[in-house]
Amino acid sequence: MITETMMLLALKQKNWLHASDMASKLYESRGIPLIKDISYVAGIAETDPRADWLLTLWSELRWDEINKEEDIK
């Protein structure tokens, strides 16, 4: 079972191939369109600095968002 946290860790580590694979599997199980896009962008991030930058930024923002949700609980 793949979780969003696992995918975010791969993104934070810039393990693009692994993140792309996990996002693809996560999309198959949850059907969230954004995750499908993350899978595609992670697949090109190795060679496209813009994709690298956007995923790095997005993963940091999402990580903060998850932490704030946990603080509220």
PDB file of N, CA and C in Angstrom:
ATOM      1  N   MET A   1       0.837  -1.180   0.000  1.00  0.00           N
ATOM      2  CA  MET A   1       0.000   0.000   0.000  1.00  0.00           C
ATOM      3  C   MET A   1       0.885   1.247   0.000  1.00  0.00           C
ATOM      4  N   ILE A   2       0.607   2.143  -0.912  1.00  0.00           N
ATOM      5  CA  ILE A   2       1.342   3.397  -1.039  1.00  0.00           C
ATOM      6  C   ILE A   2       0.521   4.499  -0.374  1.00  0.00           C
ATOM      7  N   THR A   3       1.193   5.353   0.391  1.00  0.00           N
ATOM      8  CA  THR A   3       0.504   6.478   1.023  1.00  0.00           C
ATOM      9  C   THR A   3       1.034   7.789   0.452  1.00  0.00           C
ATOM     10  N   GLU A   4       0.275   8.841   0.674  1.00  0.00           N
ATOM     11  CA  GLU A   4       0.711  10.154   0.216  1.00  0.00           C
ATOM     12  C   GLU A   4       2.007  10.564   0.908  1.00  0.00           C
ATOM     13  N   THR A   5       2.147  10.205   2.173  1.00  0.00           N
ATOM     14  CA  THR A   5       3.360  10.533   2.918  1.00  0.00           C
ATOM     15  C   THR A   5       4.582   9.878   2.284  1.00  0.00           C
ATOM     16  N   MET A   6       4.445   8.621   1.874  1.00  0.00           N
ATOM     17  CA  MET A   6       5.558   7.924   1.216  1.00  0.00           C
ATOM     18  C   MET A   6       5.949   8.632  -0.076  1.00  0.00           C
ATOM     19  N   MET A   7       4.937   9.036  -0.843  1.00  0.00           N
ATOM     20  CA  MET A   7       5.206   9.746  -2.093  1.00  0.00           C
ATOM     21  C   MET A   7       5.886  11.082  -1.811  1.00  0.00           C
ATOM     22  N   LEU A   8       5.406  11.802  -0.795  1.00  0.00           N
ATOM     23  CA  LEU A   8       6.005  13.089  -0.451  1.00  0.00           C
ATOM     24  C   LEU A   8       7.457  12.933  -0.026  1.00  0.00           C
ATOM     25  N   LEU A   9       7.757  11.877   0.719  1.00  0.00           N
ATOM     26  CA  LEU A   9       9.150  11.649   1.113  1.00  0.00           C
ATOM     27  C   LEU A   9      10.036  11.425  -0.111  1.00  0.00           C
ATOM     28  N   ALA A  10       9.549  10.655  -1.063  1.00  0.00           N
ATOM     29  CA  ALA A  10      10.319  10.438  -2.297  1.00  0.00           C
ATOM     30  C   ALA A  10      10.518  11.751  -3.051  1.00  0.00           C
ATOM     31  N   LEU A  11       9.485  12.587  -3.080  1.00  0.00           N
ATOM     32  CA  LEU A  11       9.610  13.893  -3.744  1.00  0.00           C
ATOM     33  C   LEU A  11      10.609  14.776  -3.015  1.00  0.00           C
ATOM     34  N   LYS A  12      10.538  14.801  -1.680  1.00  0.00           N
ATOM     35  CA  LYS A  12      11.460  15.631  -0.904  1.00  0.00           C
ATOM     36  C   LYS A  12      12.910  15.180  -1.101  1.00  0.00           C
ATOM     37  N   GLN A  13      13.110  13.886  -1.321  1.00  0.00           N
ATOM     38  CA  GLN A  13      14.448  13.343  -1.540  1.00  0.00           C
ATOM     39  C   GLN A  13      14.877  13.440  -3.005  1.00  0.00           C
ATOM     40  N   LYS A  14      13.978  13.957  -3.831  1.00  0.00           N
ATOM     41  CA  LYS A  14      14.203  14.088  -5.277  1.00  0.00           C
ATOM     42  C   LYS A  14      14.494  12.736  -5.930  1.00  0.00           C
ATOM     43  N   ASN A  15      13.824  11.726  -5.421  1.00  0.00           N
ATOM     44  CA  ASN A  15      13.884  10.399  -6.012  1.00  0.00           C
ATOM     45  C   ASN A  15      12.741  10.325  -7.024  1.00  0.00           C
ATOM     46  N   TRP A  16      12.953  10.968  -8.170  1.00  0.00           N
ATOM     47  CA  TRP A  16      11.887  11.208  -9.133  1.00  0.00           C
ATOM     48  C   TRP A  16      11.255   9.942  -9.679  1.00  0.00           C
ATOM     49  N   LEU A  17      12.064   8.950 -10.028  1.00  0.00           N
ATOM     50  CA  LEU A  17      11.520   7.719 -10.605  1.00  0.00           C
ATOM     51  C   LEU A  17      10.615   7.006  -9.597  1.00  0.00           C
ATOM     52  N   HIS A  18      11.092   6.891  -8.380  1.00  0.00           N
ATOM     53  CA  HIS A  18      10.322   6.237  -7.331  1.00  0.00           C
ATOM     54  C   HIS A  18       9.043   7.034  -7.028  1.00  0.00           C
ATOM     55  N   ALA A  19       9.160   8.355  -6.951  1.00  0.00           N
ATOM     56  CA  ALA A  19       7.999   9.207  -6.685  1.00  0.00           C
ATOM     57  C   ALA A  19       6.969   9.082  -7.810  1.00  0.00           C
ATOM     58  N   SER A  20       7.432   9.041  -9.039  1.00  0.00           N
ATOM     59  CA  SER A  20       6.531   8.911 -10.175  1.00  0.00           C
ATOM     60  C   SER A  20       5.779   7.590 -10.119  1.00  0.00           C
ATOM     61  N   ASP A  21       6.493   6.518  -9.808  1.00  0.00           N
ATOM     62  CA  ASP A  21       5.873   5.198  -9.705  1.00  0.00           C
ATOM     63  C   ASP A  21       4.855   5.155  -8.563  1.00  0.00           C
ATOM     64  N   MET A  22       5.226   5.709  -7.414  1.00  0.00           N
ATOM     65  CA  MET A  22       4.307   5.719  -6.280  1.00  0.00           C
ATOM     66  C   MET A  22       3.077   6.575  -6.572  1.00  0.00           C
ATOM     67  N   ALA A  23       3.260   7.708  -7.206  1.00  0.00           N
ATOM     68  CA  ALA A  23       2.128   8.577  -7.536  1.00  0.00           C
ATOM     69  C   ALA A  23       1.188   7.874  -8.512  1.00  0.00           C
ATOM     70  N   SER A  24       1.745   7.157  -9.449  1.00  0.00           N
ATOM     71  CA  SER A  24       0.926   6.411 -10.400  1.00  0.00           C
ATOM     72  C   SER A  24       0.068   5.375  -9.678  1.00  0.00           C
ATOM     73  N   LYS A  25       0.673   4.646  -8.764  1.00  0.00           N
ATOM     74  CA  LYS A  25      -0.066   3.636  -7.995  1.00  0.00           C
ATOM     75  C   LYS A  25      -1.093   4.290  -7.074  1.00  0.00           C
ATOM     76  N   LEU A  26      -0.727   5.413  -6.495  1.00  0.00           N
ATOM     77  CA  LEU A  26      -1.648   6.144  -5.628  1.00  0.00           C
ATOM     78  C   LEU A  26      -2.843   6.651  -6.432  1.00  0.00           C
ATOM     79  N   TYR A  27      -2.587   7.111  -7.647  1.00  0.00           N
ATOM     80  CA  TYR A  27      -3.683   7.558  -8.515  1.00  0.00           C
ATOM     81  C   TYR A  27      -4.615   6.393  -8.840  1.00  0.00           C
ATOM     82  N   GLU A  28      -4.057   5.229  -9.126  1.00  0.00           N
ATOM     83  CA  GLU A  28      -4.878   4.057  -9.439  1.00  0.00           C
ATOM     84  C   GLU A  28      -5.794   3.689  -8.275  1.00  0.00           C
ATOM     85  N   SER A  29      -5.300   3.835  -7.058  1.00  0.00           N
ATOM     86  CA  SER A  29      -6.110   3.442  -5.903  1.00  0.00           C
ATOM     87  C   SER A  29      -7.079   4.528  -5.440  1.00  0.00           C
ATOM     88  N   ARG A  30      -6.730   5.796  -5.644  1.00  0.00           N
ATOM     89  CA  ARG A  30      -7.580   6.884  -5.134  1.00  0.00           C
ATOM     90  C   ARG A  30      -8.263   7.705  -6.216  1.00  0.00           C
ATOM     91  N   GLY A  31      -7.705   7.723  -7.408  1.00  0.00           N
ATOM     92  CA  GLY A  31      -8.321   8.452  -8.518  1.00  0.00           C
ATOM     93  C   GLY A  31      -8.281   9.962  -8.405  1.00  0.00           C
ATOM     94  N   ILE A  32      -7.299  10.510  -7.678  1.00  0.00           N
ATOM     95  CA  ILE A  32      -7.183  11.960  -7.519  1.00  0.00           C
ATOM     96  C   ILE A  32      -6.411  12.516  -8.728  1.00  0.00           C
ATOM     97  N   PRO A  33      -7.055  13.359  -9.547  1.00  0.00           N
ATOM     98  CA  PRO A  33      -6.397  13.850 -10.762  1.00  0.00           C
ATOM     99  C   PRO A  33      -5.043  14.528 -10.511  1.00  0.00           C
ATOM    100  N   LEU A  34      -4.907  15.260  -9.435  1.00  0.00           N
ATOM    101  CA  LEU A  34      -3.636  15.930  -9.139  1.00  0.00           C
ATOM    102  C   LEU A  34      -2.498  14.918  -9.012  1.00  0.00           C
ATOM    103  N   ILE A  35      -2.779  13.784  -8.426  1.00  0.00           N
ATOM    104  CA  ILE A  35      -1.741  12.763  -8.235  1.00  0.00           C
ATOM    105  C   ILE A  35      -1.279  12.214  -9.583  1.00  0.00           C
ATOM    106  N   LYS A  36      -2.188  12.108 -10.535  1.00  0.00           N
ATOM    107  CA  LYS A  36      -1.801  11.677 -11.885  1.00  0.00           C
ATOM    108  C   LYS A  36      -0.826  12.686 -12.489  1.00  0.00           C
ATOM    109  N   ASP A  37      -1.099  13.976 -12.289  1.00  0.00           N
ATOM    110  CA  ASP A  37      -0.205  15.025 -12.782  1.00  0.00           C
ATOM    111  C   ASP A  37       1.156  14.974 -12.082  1.00  0.00           C
ATOM    112  N   ILE A  38       1.142  14.714 -10.780  1.00  0.00           N
ATOM    113  CA  ILE A  38       2.391  14.592 -10.022  1.00  0.00           C
ATOM    114  C   ILE A  38       3.228  13.454 -10.605  1.00  0.00           C
ATOM    115  N   SER A  39       2.580  12.349 -10.930  1.00  0.00           N
ATOM    116  CA  SER A  39       3.290  11.212 -11.521  1.00  0.00           C
ATOM    117  C   SER A  39       3.991  11.611 -12.817  1.00  0.00           C
ATOM    118  N   TYR A  40       3.277  12.330 -13.679  1.00  0.00           N
ATOM    119  CA  TYR A  40       3.860  12.762 -14.948  1.00  0.00           C
ATOM    120  C   TYR A  40       5.032  13.722 -14.730  1.00  0.00           C
ATOM    121  N   VAL A  41       4.827  14.721 -13.903  1.00  0.00           N
ATOM    122  CA  VAL A  41       5.856  15.742 -13.687  1.00  0.00           C
ATOM    123  C   VAL A  41       7.085  15.126 -13.010  1.00  0.00           C
ATOM    124  N   ALA A  42       6.874  14.202 -12.082  1.00  0.00           N
ATOM    125  CA  ALA A  42       8.017  13.535 -11.445  1.00  0.00           C
ATOM    126  C   ALA A  42       8.806  12.732 -12.481  1.00  0.00           C
ATOM    127  N   GLY A  43       8.107  12.206 -13.471  1.00  0.00           N
ATOM    128  CA  GLY A  43       8.776  11.449 -14.527  1.00  0.00           C
ATOM    129  C   GLY A  43       9.692  12.292 -15.395  1.00  0.00           C
ATOM    130  N   ILE A  44       9.441  13.592 -15.479  1.00  0.00           N
ATOM    131  CA  ILE A  44      10.286  14.457 -16.308  1.00  0.00           C
ATOM    132  C   ILE A  44      11.218  15.349 -15.481  1.00  0.00           C
ATOM    133  N   ALA A  45      11.081  15.301 -14.160  1.00  0.00           N
ATOM    134  CA  ALA A  45      11.846  16.206 -13.286  1.00  0.00           C
ATOM    135  C   ALA A  45      13.354  15.967 -13.343  1.00  0.00           C
ATOM    136  N   GLU A  46      13.754  14.766 -13.704  1.00  0.00           N
ATOM    137  CA  GLU A  46      15.185  14.453 -13.801  1.00  0.00           C
ATOM    138  C   GLU A  46      15.871  15.333 -14.846  1.00  0.00           C
ATOM    139  N   THR A  47      15.145  15.655 -15.914  1.00  0.00           N
ATOM    140  CA  THR A  47      15.743  16.411 -17.020  1.00  0.00           C
ATOM    141  C   THR A  47      15.182  17.822 -17.183  1.00  0.00           C
ATOM    142  N   ASP A  48      14.140  18.149 -16.432  1.00  0.00           N
ATOM    143  CA  ASP A  48      13.518  19.465 -16.565  1.00  0.00           C
ATOM    144  C   ASP A  48      13.603  20.214 -15.235  1.00  0.00           C
ATOM    145  N   PRO A  49      14.467  21.220 -15.146  1.00  0.00           N
ATOM    146  CA  PRO A  49      14.630  21.939 -13.880  1.00  0.00           C
ATOM    147  C   PRO A  49      13.354  22.625 -13.389  1.00  0.00           C
ATOM    148  N   ARG A  50      12.479  23.003 -14.322  1.00  0.00           N
ATOM    149  CA  ARG A  50      11.208  23.621 -13.904  1.00  0.00           C
ATOM    150  C   ARG A  50      10.328  22.608 -13.178  1.00  0.00           C
ATOM    151  N   ALA A  51      10.298  21.385 -13.681  1.00  0.00           N
ATOM    152  CA  ALA A  51       9.520  20.327 -13.031  1.00  0.00           C
ATOM    153  C   ALA A  51      10.103  20.016 -11.657  1.00  0.00           C
ATOM    154  N   ASP A  52      11.415  19.964 -11.575  1.00  0.00           N
ATOM    155  CA  ASP A  52      12.110  19.737 -10.300  1.00  0.00           C
ATOM    156  C   ASP A  52      11.703  20.815  -9.298  1.00  0.00           C
ATOM    157  N   TRP A  53      11.791  22.059  -9.707  1.00  0.00           N
ATOM    158  CA  TRP A  53      11.477  23.180  -8.821  1.00  0.00           C
ATOM    159  C   TRP A  53      10.020  23.152  -8.378  1.00  0.00           C
ATOM    160  N   LEU A  54       9.111  22.922  -9.315  1.00  0.00           N
ATOM    161  CA  LEU A  54       7.684  22.907  -8.974  1.00  0.00           C
ATOM    162  C   LEU A  54       7.338  21.773  -8.008  1.00  0.00           C
ATOM    163  N   LEU A  55       7.889  20.599  -8.241  1.00  0.00           N
ATOM    164  CA  LEU A  55       7.616  19.481  -7.335  1.00  0.00           C
ATOM    165  C   LEU A  55       8.234  19.706  -5.962  1.00  0.00           C
ATOM    166  N   THR A  56       9.403  20.288  -5.926  1.00  0.00           N
ATOM    167  CA  THR A  56      10.034  20.588  -4.647  1.00  0.00           C
ATOM    168  C   THR A  56       9.181  21.578  -3.861  1.00  0.00           C
ATOM    169  N   LEU A  57       8.731  22.607  -4.528  1.00  0.00           N
ATOM    170  CA  LEU A  57       7.880  23.606  -3.886  1.00  0.00           C
ATOM    171  C   LEU A  57       6.554  22.990  -3.431  1.00  0.00           C
ATOM    172  N   TRP A  58       5.897  22.260  -4.322  1.00  0.00           N
ATOM    173  CA  TRP A  58       4.610  21.663  -3.990  1.00  0.00           C
ATOM    174  C   TRP A  58       4.733  20.678  -2.821  1.00  0.00           C
ATOM    175  N   SER A  59       5.771  19.849  -2.838  1.00  0.00           N
ATOM    176  CA  SER A  59       5.907  18.850  -1.770  1.00  0.00           C
ATOM    177  C   SER A  59       6.147  19.519  -0.416  1.00  0.00           C
ATOM    178  N   GLU A  60       6.900  20.606  -0.393  1.00  0.00           N
ATOM    179  CA  GLU A  60       7.108  21.333   0.870  1.00  0.00           C
ATOM    180  C   GLU A  60       5.801  21.945   1.375  1.00  0.00           C
ATOM    181  N   LEU A  61       5.045  22.547   0.470  1.00  0.00           N
ATOM    182  CA  LEU A  61       3.764  23.138   0.858  1.00  0.00           C
ATOM    183  C   LEU A  61       2.790  22.067   1.350  1.00  0.00           C
ATOM    184  N   ARG A  62       2.730  20.948   0.647  1.00  0.00           N
ATOM    185  CA  ARG A  62       1.821  19.868   1.042  1.00  0.00           C
ATOM    186  C   ARG A  62       2.256  19.270   2.380  1.00  0.00           C
ATOM    187  N   TRP A  63       3.557  19.126   2.585  1.00  0.00           N
ATOM    188  CA  TRP A  63       4.077  18.592   3.847  1.00  0.00           C
ATOM    189  C   TRP A  63       3.652  19.498   5.011  1.00  0.00           C
ATOM    190  N   ASP A  64       3.796  20.814   4.834  1.00  0.00           N
ATOM    191  CA  ASP A  64       3.361  21.773   5.856  1.00  0.00           C
ATOM    192  C   ASP A  64       1.856  21.673   6.108  1.00  0.00           C
ATOM    193  N   GLU A  65       1.095  21.540   5.040  1.00  0.00           N
ATOM    194  CA  GLU A  65      -0.356  21.441   5.153  1.00  0.00           C
ATOM    195  C   GLU A  65      -0.754  20.210   5.975  1.00  0.00           C
ATOM    196  N   ILE A  66      -0.129  19.096   5.714  1.00  0.00           N
ATOM    197  CA  ILE A  66      -0.418  17.867   6.466  1.00  0.00           C
ATOM    198  C   ILE A  66      -0.048  18.045   7.935  1.00  0.00           C
ATOM    199  N   ASN A  67       1.096  18.656   8.198  1.00  0.00           N
ATOM    200  CA  ASN A  67       1.513  18.870   9.586  1.00  0.00           C
ATOM    201  C   ASN A  67       0.548  19.788  10.328  1.00  0.00           C
ATOM    202  N   LYS A  68       0.055  20.802   9.656  1.00  0.00           N
ATOM    203  CA  LYS A  68      -0.902  21.718  10.297  1.00  0.00           C
ATOM    204  C   LYS A  68      -2.221  21.001  10.560  1.00  0.00           C
ATOM    205  N   GLU A  69      -2.641  20.121   9.672  1.00  0.00           N
ATOM    206  CA  GLU A  69      -3.851  19.345   9.894  1.00  0.00           C
ATOM    207  C   GLU A  69      -3.687  18.452  11.122  1.00  0.00           C
ATOM    208  N   GLU A  70      -2.505  17.871  11.285  1.00  0.00           N
ATOM    209  CA  GLU A  70      -2.235  17.024  12.450  1.00  0.00           C
ATOM    210  C   GLU A  70      -2.231  17.831  13.738  1.00  0.00           C
ATOM    211  N   ASP A  71      -1.733  19.065  13.678  1.00  0.00           N
ATOM    212  CA  ASP A  71      -1.705  19.919  14.871  1.00  0.00           C
ATOM    213  C   ASP A  71      -3.111  20.276  15.346  1.00  0.00           C
ATOM    214  N   ILE A  72      -4.038  20.387  14.398  1.00  0.00           N
ATOM    215  CA  ILE A  72      -5.414  20.758  14.738  1.00  0.00           C
ATOM    216  C   ILE A  72      -6.122  19.603  15.449  1.00  0.00           C
ATOM    217  N   LYS A  73      -5.788  18.373  15.079  1.00  0.00           N
ATOM    218  CA  LYS A  73      -6.469  17.211  15.663  1.00  0.00           C
ATOM    219  C   LYS A  73      -6.197  17.076  17.108  1.00  0.00           C
TER     220      LYS A  73
END
